Amino acid sequence: MSLPVLVAIVVLGIALSVAAVHFTGGSRTATLADPDQALRRFAEDFPDEIVATVRLTADAKTAFLDLGRGRNGIVHSIGDCFLTRIVTAADVSVTSPDETNTILMRLTDFTWKGGHFRFASAGDAQALLKALEARQSDAAREAA
């Protein structure tokens, strides 16, 4: 078999494989249908946690869960799966960029650094920002 024919067969095979994965749903991004789905997904990894409030982002890819005692749970979509985390004031820094209803969160976790999170409601964004900033202030006072 000649080299050009072999290269053509390999390229065609790879293209067909990528197309098959895409058309069978392999490139679909997971989203949260509602707060209950976020609660169920979080409970799979942390069944003993009690959630007080769930705040979904506008794109329904992330949910922030108030767990009390200075902790927040996070359910975030990556590809077609969800990751879950519990964060405390020591794990996160938050700021409010110039964008409306948006917070910028950076985590100390090397497996996921956080990101920009936009909420449909200004109230949700401000409540989460205030809660995390208050917890950061409390953590700074405790460290001093």
N, C-alpha and C. Protein backbone atom coordinates (compact mmCIF):
# COMPACT_ATOMS: atom_id res chain seq x y z
N MET A 1 0.86 -1.17 0.00
CA MET A 1 0.00 0.00 0.00
C MET A 1 0.90 1.23 0.00
N SER A 2 0.53 2.21 -0.78
CA SER A 2 1.35 3.43 -0.86
C SER A 2 1.08 4.33 0.34
N LEU A 3 2.05 5.16 0.65
CA LEU A 3 1.95 6.07 1.78
C LEU A 3 0.79 7.06 1.66
N PRO A 4 0.54 7.69 0.51
CA PRO A 4 -0.61 8.61 0.41
C PRO A 4 -1.96 7.92 0.68
N VAL A 5 -2.12 6.69 0.24
CA VAL A 5 -3.37 5.96 0.48
C VAL A 5 -3.52 5.66 1.96
N LEU A 6 -2.42 5.25 2.62
CA LEU A 6 -2.46 4.96 4.05
C LEU A 6 -2.81 6.22 4.85
N VAL A 7 -2.21 7.35 4.49
CA VAL A 7 -2.50 8.62 5.18
C VAL A 7 -3.97 8.99 4.98
N ALA A 8 -4.49 8.83 3.79
CA ALA A 8 -5.90 9.14 3.52
C ALA A 8 -6.82 8.26 4.36
N ILE A 9 -6.51 6.98 4.48
CA ILE A 9 -7.33 6.06 5.28
C ILE A 9 -7.30 6.47 6.75
N VAL A 10 -6.14 6.81 7.27
CA VAL A 10 -6.02 7.22 8.67
C VAL A 10 -6.79 8.51 8.92
N VAL A 11 -6.65 9.50 8.05
CA VAL A 11 -7.36 10.77 8.21
C VAL A 11 -8.86 10.56 8.15
N LEU A 12 -9.32 9.77 7.22
CA LEU A 12 -10.75 9.48 7.11
C LEU A 12 -11.26 8.74 8.34
N GLY A 13 -10.49 7.81 8.85
CA GLY A 13 -10.88 7.07 10.06
C GLY A 13 -11.00 7.98 11.27
N ILE A 14 -10.05 8.87 11.44
CA ILE A 14 -10.10 9.81 12.56
C ILE A 14 -11.31 10.75 12.41
N ALA A 15 -11.54 11.26 11.21
CA ALA A 15 -12.68 12.16 10.98
C ALA A 15 -14.00 11.46 11.27
N LEU A 16 -14.14 10.22 10.84
CA LEU A 16 -15.38 9.47 11.12
C LEU A 16 -15.55 9.20 12.60
N SER A 17 -14.47 8.92 13.32
CA SER A 17 -14.55 8.70 14.76
C SER A 17 -15.00 9.96 15.50
N VAL A 18 -14.42 11.10 15.14
CA VAL A 18 -14.80 12.37 15.77
C VAL A 18 -16.26 12.69 15.46
N ALA A 19 -16.69 12.49 14.24
CA ALA A 19 -18.08 12.74 13.87
C ALA A 19 -19.02 11.82 14.63
N ALA A 20 -18.66 10.57 14.79
CA ALA A 20 -19.51 9.62 15.52
C ALA A 20 -19.66 10.04 16.98
N VAL A 21 -18.58 10.47 17.62
CA VAL A 21 -18.65 10.92 19.01
C VAL A 21 -19.53 12.16 19.11
N HIS A 22 -19.36 13.10 18.20
CA HIS A 22 -20.14 14.33 18.24
C HIS A 22 -21.63 14.06 18.04
N PHE A 23 -21.99 13.28 17.05
CA PHE A 23 -23.40 13.06 16.73
C PHE A 23 -24.10 12.12 17.69
N THR A 24 -23.36 11.38 18.52
CA THR A 24 -24.00 10.54 19.54
C THR A 24 -24.05 11.25 20.89
N GLY A 25 -23.70 12.54 20.91
CA GLY A 25 -23.85 13.34 22.13
C GLY A 25 -22.59 13.47 22.95
N GLY A 26 -21.47 13.02 22.47
CA GLY A 26 -20.23 13.07 23.23
C GLY A 26 -19.66 14.46 23.42
N SER A 27 -20.07 15.42 22.63
CA SER A 27 -19.56 16.79 22.77
C SER A 27 -20.56 17.71 23.47
N ARG A 28 -21.61 17.13 24.02
CA ARG A 28 -22.64 17.91 24.72
C ARG A 28 -22.12 18.38 26.08
N THR A 29 -22.43 19.59 26.45
CA THR A 29 -22.05 20.15 27.75
C THR A 29 -23.20 19.97 28.73
N ALA A 30 -22.88 19.49 29.91
CA ALA A 30 -23.88 19.28 30.94
C ALA A 30 -24.37 20.60 31.51
N THR A 31 -25.65 20.68 31.80
CA THR A 31 -26.22 21.84 32.48
C THR A 31 -27.15 21.34 33.59
N LEU A 32 -27.40 22.21 34.53
CA LEU A 32 -28.29 21.89 35.64
C LEU A 32 -29.70 22.36 35.30
N ALA A 33 -30.65 21.45 35.31
CA ALA A 33 -32.02 21.79 34.95
C ALA A 33 -32.68 22.70 35.99
N ASP A 34 -32.37 22.47 37.26
CA ASP A 34 -32.98 23.24 38.34
C ASP A 34 -32.18 23.04 39.62
N PRO A 35 -32.52 23.77 40.68
CA PRO A 35 -31.79 23.61 41.95
C PRO A 35 -31.86 22.19 42.51
N ASP A 36 -32.97 21.48 42.28
CA ASP A 36 -33.08 20.11 42.78
C ASP A 36 -32.05 19.19 42.16
N GLN A 37 -31.76 19.37 40.88
CA GLN A 37 -30.74 18.55 40.24
C GLN A 37 -29.37 18.84 40.86
N ALA A 38 -29.10 20.11 41.15
CA ALA A 38 -27.84 20.46 41.81
C ALA A 38 -27.75 19.81 43.18
N LEU A 39 -28.85 19.84 43.93
CA LEU A 39 -28.87 19.18 45.24
C LEU A 39 -28.62 17.69 45.13
N ARG A 40 -29.28 17.04 44.18
CA ARG A 40 -29.10 15.59 44.00
C ARG A 40 -27.66 15.26 43.62
N ARG A 41 -27.09 16.04 42.70
CA ARG A 41 -25.71 15.77 42.27
C ARG A 41 -24.73 16.00 43.39
N PHE A 42 -24.93 17.05 44.18
CA PHE A 42 -24.06 17.32 45.32
C PHE A 42 -24.18 16.23 46.38
N ALA A 43 -25.39 15.73 46.59
CA ALA A 43 -25.62 14.69 47.59
C ALA A 43 -24.96 13.36 47.21
N GLU A 44 -24.71 13.13 45.93
CA GLU A 44 -24.01 11.91 45.53
C GLU A 44 -22.61 11.88 46.14
N ASP A 45 -21.93 13.02 46.17
CA ASP A 45 -20.57 13.07 46.70
C ASP A 45 -20.51 13.43 48.18
N PHE A 46 -21.49 14.17 48.66
CA PHE A 46 -21.51 14.62 50.06
C PHE A 46 -22.89 14.36 50.66
N PRO A 47 -23.23 13.10 50.93
CA PRO A 47 -24.60 12.77 51.37
C PRO A 47 -24.97 13.31 52.75
N ASP A 48 -24.00 13.63 53.60
CA ASP A 48 -24.31 14.08 54.95
C ASP A 48 -24.45 15.59 55.09
N GLU A 49 -24.24 16.31 54.01
CA GLU A 49 -24.30 17.78 54.07
C GLU A 49 -25.75 18.26 53.95
N ILE A 50 -26.07 19.29 54.72
CA ILE A 50 -27.39 19.91 54.68
C ILE A 50 -27.25 21.26 53.99
N VAL A 51 -28.03 21.45 52.96
CA VAL A 51 -27.94 22.65 52.13
C VAL A 51 -29.06 23.62 52.51
N ALA A 52 -28.68 24.89 52.76
CA ALA A 52 -29.66 25.91 53.12
C ALA A 52 -30.21 26.62 51.88
N THR A 53 -29.32 27.00 50.95
CA THR A 53 -29.71 27.78 49.78
C THR A 53 -28.94 27.30 48.56
N VAL A 54 -29.61 27.32 47.41
CA VAL A 54 -28.96 26.98 46.14
C VAL A 54 -29.09 28.17 45.21
N ARG A 55 -27.96 28.59 44.64
CA ARG A 55 -27.96 29.70 43.67
C ARG A 55 -27.36 29.19 42.36
N LEU A 56 -28.16 29.23 41.30
CA LEU A 56 -27.70 28.79 39.97
C LEU A 56 -27.18 29.98 39.18
N THR A 57 -26.16 29.74 38.38
CA THR A 57 -25.68 30.78 37.47
C THR A 57 -26.64 30.89 36.29
N ALA A 58 -26.52 31.99 35.55
CA ALA A 58 -27.43 32.24 34.43
C ALA A 58 -27.32 31.18 33.34
N ASP A 59 -26.13 30.63 33.13
CA ASP A 59 -25.96 29.61 32.09
C ASP A 59 -26.27 28.20 32.59
N ALA A 60 -26.66 28.06 33.85
CA ALA A 60 -27.04 26.79 34.48
C ALA A 60 -25.90 25.76 34.45
N LYS A 61 -24.66 26.23 34.43
CA LYS A 61 -23.52 25.32 34.46
C LYS A 61 -22.91 25.19 35.85
N THR A 62 -23.29 26.10 36.76
CA THR A 62 -22.72 26.08 38.10
C THR A 62 -23.80 26.40 39.13
N ALA A 63 -23.71 25.72 40.26
CA ALA A 63 -24.60 26.00 41.39
C ALA A 63 -23.74 26.20 42.63
N PHE A 64 -24.09 27.20 43.43
CA PHE A 64 -23.42 27.45 44.69
C PHE A 64 -24.41 27.12 45.80
N LEU A 65 -23.98 26.30 46.74
CA LEU A 65 -24.85 25.81 47.80
C LEU A 65 -24.34 26.30 49.15
N ASP A 66 -25.19 26.97 49.91
CA ASP A 66 -24.82 27.45 51.24
C ASP A 66 -24.95 26.29 52.21
N LEU A 67 -23.83 25.88 52.82
CA LEU A 67 -23.83 24.74 53.73
C LEU A 67 -23.79 25.15 55.19
N GLY A 68 -23.66 26.46 55.46
CA GLY A 68 -23.56 26.91 56.84
C GLY A 68 -22.15 26.67 57.38
N ARG A 69 -21.90 27.13 58.59
CA ARG A 69 -20.61 26.97 59.26
C ARG A 69 -19.44 27.46 58.40
N GLY A 70 -19.69 28.52 57.61
CA GLY A 70 -18.62 29.12 56.82
C GLY A 70 -18.19 28.32 55.60
N ARG A 71 -19.08 27.46 55.10
CA ARG A 71 -18.72 26.62 53.96
C ARG A 71 -19.74 26.76 52.84
N ASN A 72 -19.25 26.63 51.61
CA ASN A 72 -20.10 26.63 50.43
C ASN A 72 -19.80 25.40 49.60
N GLY A 73 -20.83 24.81 49.05
CA GLY A 73 -20.66 23.72 48.11
C GLY A 73 -20.76 24.27 46.69
N ILE A 74 -20.06 23.63 45.77
CA ILE A 74 -20.09 24.04 44.37
C ILE A 74 -20.36 22.80 43.53
N VAL A 75 -21.29 22.94 42.58
CA VAL A 75 -21.51 21.93 41.55
C VAL A 75 -21.26 22.64 40.23
N HIS A 76 -20.27 22.17 39.46
CA HIS A 76 -19.85 22.87 38.24
C HIS A 76 -19.71 21.86 37.11
N SER A 77 -20.24 22.20 35.94
CA SER A 77 -20.14 21.29 34.80
C SER A 77 -18.82 21.47 34.07
N ILE A 78 -18.22 20.35 33.75
CA ILE A 78 -17.02 20.30 32.93
C ILE A 78 -17.29 19.23 31.89
N GLY A 79 -17.46 19.66 30.65
CA GLY A 79 -17.84 18.71 29.60
C GLY A 79 -19.22 18.17 29.87
N ASP A 80 -19.36 16.84 29.85
CA ASP A 80 -20.66 16.25 30.11
C ASP A 80 -20.78 15.73 31.53
N CYS A 81 -19.86 16.13 32.43
CA CYS A 81 -19.87 15.67 33.82
C CYS A 81 -19.92 16.87 34.76
N PHE A 82 -20.10 16.59 36.04
CA PHE A 82 -20.10 17.63 37.05
C PHE A 82 -19.00 17.36 38.06
N LEU A 83 -18.36 18.43 38.53
CA LEU A 83 -17.45 18.30 39.66
C LEU A 83 -18.11 18.96 40.85
N THR A 84 -17.78 18.48 42.02
CA THR A 84 -18.33 19.04 43.25
C THR A 84 -17.18 19.39 44.18
N ARG A 85 -17.34 20.46 44.91
CA ARG A 85 -16.34 20.90 45.87
C ARG A 85 -17.04 21.51 47.06
N ILE A 86 -16.37 21.45 48.20
CA ILE A 86 -16.75 22.23 49.37
C ILE A 86 -15.60 23.19 49.61
N VAL A 87 -15.92 24.49 49.69
CA VAL A 87 -14.89 25.49 49.88
C VAL A 87 -15.16 26.29 51.15
N THR A 88 -14.08 26.77 51.74
CA THR A 88 -14.15 27.65 52.90
C THR A 88 -13.46 28.96 52.52
N ALA A 89 -13.45 29.90 53.44
CA ALA A 89 -12.84 31.20 53.17
C ALA A 89 -11.36 31.07 52.82
N ALA A 90 -10.69 30.10 53.40
CA ALA A 90 -9.27 29.91 53.13
C ALA A 90 -9.02 29.38 51.72
N ASP A 91 -10.03 28.80 51.09
CA ASP A 91 -9.87 28.16 49.79
C ASP A 91 -10.17 29.08 48.61
N VAL A 92 -10.71 30.27 48.87
CA VAL A 92 -11.27 31.05 47.77
C VAL A 92 -10.99 32.54 47.95
N SER A 93 -10.82 33.23 46.82
CA SER A 93 -10.84 34.69 46.83
C SER A 93 -11.87 35.13 45.79
N VAL A 94 -12.68 36.10 46.15
CA VAL A 94 -13.74 36.56 45.25
C VAL A 94 -13.64 38.07 45.05
N THR A 95 -14.01 38.47 43.85
CA THR A 95 -14.11 39.89 43.53
C THR A 95 -15.32 40.09 42.65
N SER A 96 -15.73 41.33 42.54
CA SER A 96 -16.85 41.69 41.69
C SER A 96 -16.31 42.49 40.51
N PRO A 97 -16.20 41.88 39.33
CA PRO A 97 -15.72 42.63 38.17
C PRO A 97 -16.76 43.66 37.73
N ASP A 98 -16.43 44.41 36.70
CA ASP A 98 -17.34 45.46 36.22
C ASP A 98 -18.60 44.92 35.56
N GLU A 99 -18.62 43.64 35.26
CA GLU A 99 -19.78 43.05 34.60
C GLU A 99 -20.95 42.94 35.58
N THR A 100 -22.17 43.13 35.09
CA THR A 100 -23.36 43.08 35.92
C THR A 100 -23.64 41.66 36.38
N ASN A 101 -24.04 41.50 37.63
CA ASN A 101 -24.45 40.22 38.22
C ASN A 101 -23.37 39.15 38.13
N THR A 102 -22.11 39.54 38.15
CA THR A 102 -21.02 38.60 37.96
C THR A 102 -20.05 38.64 39.14
N ILE A 103 -19.53 37.47 39.51
CA ILE A 103 -18.45 37.41 40.48
C ILE A 103 -17.29 36.64 39.85
N LEU A 104 -16.10 36.96 40.28
CA LEU A 104 -14.89 36.27 39.86
C LEU A 104 -14.38 35.52 41.08
N MET A 105 -14.26 34.22 40.95
CA MET A 105 -13.83 33.39 42.06
C MET A 105 -12.56 32.64 41.67
N ARG A 106 -11.56 32.70 42.54
CA ARG A 106 -10.32 31.96 42.36
C ARG A 106 -10.16 31.01 43.55
N LEU A 107 -9.86 29.75 43.23
CA LEU A 107 -9.68 28.75 44.27
C LEU A 107 -8.21 28.38 44.39
N THR A 108 -7.82 27.92 45.58
CA THR A 108 -6.45 27.45 45.78
C THR A 108 -6.28 26.01 45.29
N ASP A 109 -7.36 25.35 44.96
CA ASP A 109 -7.35 23.98 44.46
C ASP A 109 -6.69 23.93 43.08
N PHE A 110 -5.64 23.13 42.93
CA PHE A 110 -4.93 23.09 41.65
C PHE A 110 -5.70 22.34 40.58
N THR A 111 -6.71 21.57 40.94
CA THR A 111 -7.47 20.82 39.94
C THR A 111 -8.55 21.66 39.26
N TRP A 112 -8.94 22.76 39.89
CA TRP A 112 -9.93 23.66 39.30
C TRP A 112 -9.70 25.03 39.90
N LYS A 113 -9.43 26.00 39.06
CA LYS A 113 -9.06 27.34 39.52
C LYS A 113 -10.23 28.29 39.71
N GLY A 114 -11.46 27.89 39.36
CA GLY A 114 -12.59 28.79 39.50
C GLY A 114 -12.94 29.44 38.18
N GLY A 115 -13.43 30.68 38.22
CA GLY A 115 -13.77 31.37 36.99
C GLY A 115 -14.72 32.53 37.21
N HIS A 116 -15.31 33.02 36.10
CA HIS A 116 -16.33 34.07 36.12
C HIS A 116 -17.69 33.39 36.20
N PHE A 117 -18.54 33.86 37.10
CA PHE A 117 -19.86 33.28 37.25
C PHE A 117 -20.89 34.40 37.19
N ARG A 118 -21.77 34.32 36.20
CA ARG A 118 -22.80 35.35 35.99
C ARG A 118 -24.14 34.78 36.44
N PHE A 119 -24.86 35.56 37.22
CA PHE A 119 -26.16 35.17 37.74
C PHE A 119 -27.26 35.94 37.04
N ALA A 120 -28.43 35.35 36.94
CA ALA A 120 -29.58 36.03 36.35
C ALA A 120 -30.05 37.16 37.26
N SER A 121 -29.87 36.99 38.54
CA SER A 121 -30.36 37.94 39.52
C SER A 121 -29.19 38.65 40.20
N ALA A 122 -29.29 39.96 40.30
CA ALA A 122 -28.27 40.72 41.02
C ALA A 122 -28.26 40.34 42.49
N GLY A 123 -29.42 39.98 43.01
CA GLY A 123 -29.52 39.57 44.41
C GLY A 123 -28.71 38.32 44.71
N ASP A 124 -28.76 37.33 43.81
CA ASP A 124 -27.98 36.11 44.00
C ASP A 124 -26.49 36.40 43.97
N ALA A 125 -26.06 37.21 43.01
CA ALA A 125 -24.63 37.54 42.90
C ALA A 125 -24.15 38.28 44.14
N GLN A 126 -24.91 39.28 44.59
CA GLN A 126 -24.51 40.06 45.75
C GLN A 126 -24.54 39.23 47.03
N ALA A 127 -25.55 38.37 47.18
CA ALA A 127 -25.63 37.53 48.37
C ALA A 127 -24.44 36.59 48.46
N LEU A 128 -24.08 35.97 47.35
CA LEU A 128 -22.94 35.06 47.35
C LEU A 128 -21.65 35.83 47.59
N LEU A 129 -21.49 36.97 46.94
CA LEU A 129 -20.30 37.78 47.11
C LEU A 129 -20.15 38.24 48.56
N LYS A 130 -21.22 38.72 49.15
CA LYS A 130 -21.17 39.18 50.54
C LYS A 130 -20.87 38.03 51.49
N ALA A 131 -21.47 36.87 51.25
CA ALA A 131 -21.22 35.73 52.12
C ALA A 131 -19.77 35.29 52.06
N LEU A 132 -19.21 35.24 50.86
CA LEU A 132 -17.82 34.81 50.71
C LEU A 132 -16.85 35.86 51.23
N GLU A 133 -17.15 37.14 51.00
CA GLU A 133 -16.29 38.19 51.51
C GLU A 133 -16.34 38.24 53.03
N ALA A 134 -17.52 38.05 53.60
CA ALA A 134 -17.65 38.04 55.06
C ALA A 134 -16.86 36.88 55.65
N ARG A 135 -16.93 35.76 54.99
CA ARG A 135 -16.18 34.60 55.47
C ARG A 135 -14.68 34.82 55.32
N GLN A 136 -14.26 35.53 54.26
CA GLN A 136 -12.84 35.84 54.11
C GLN A 136 -12.39 36.78 55.22
N SER A 137 -13.23 37.76 55.56
CA SER A 137 -12.90 38.69 56.63
C SER A 137 -12.79 37.96 57.96
N ASP A 138 -13.73 37.03 58.22
CA ASP A 138 -13.69 36.24 59.44
C ASP A 138 -12.42 35.39 59.50
N ALA A 139 -12.04 34.80 58.37
CA ALA A 139 -10.84 33.96 58.33
C ALA A 139 -9.59 34.80 58.56
N ALA A 140 -9.57 36.02 58.03
CA ALA A 140 -8.42 36.90 58.22
C ALA A 140 -8.30 37.30 59.68
N ARG A 141 -9.44 37.58 60.34
CA ARG A 141 -9.42 37.92 61.76
C ARG A 141 -8.95 36.75 62.60
N GLU A 142 -9.40 35.53 62.26
CA GLU A 142 -8.99 34.35 63.02
C GLU A 142 -7.50 34.07 62.84
N ALA A 143 -6.97 34.34 61.66
CA ALA A 143 -5.56 34.08 61.40
C ALA A 143 -4.66 35.08 62.13
N ALA A 144 -5.20 36.28 62.39
CA ALA A 144 -4.39 37.33 63.03
C ALA A 144 -4.21 37.12 64.51
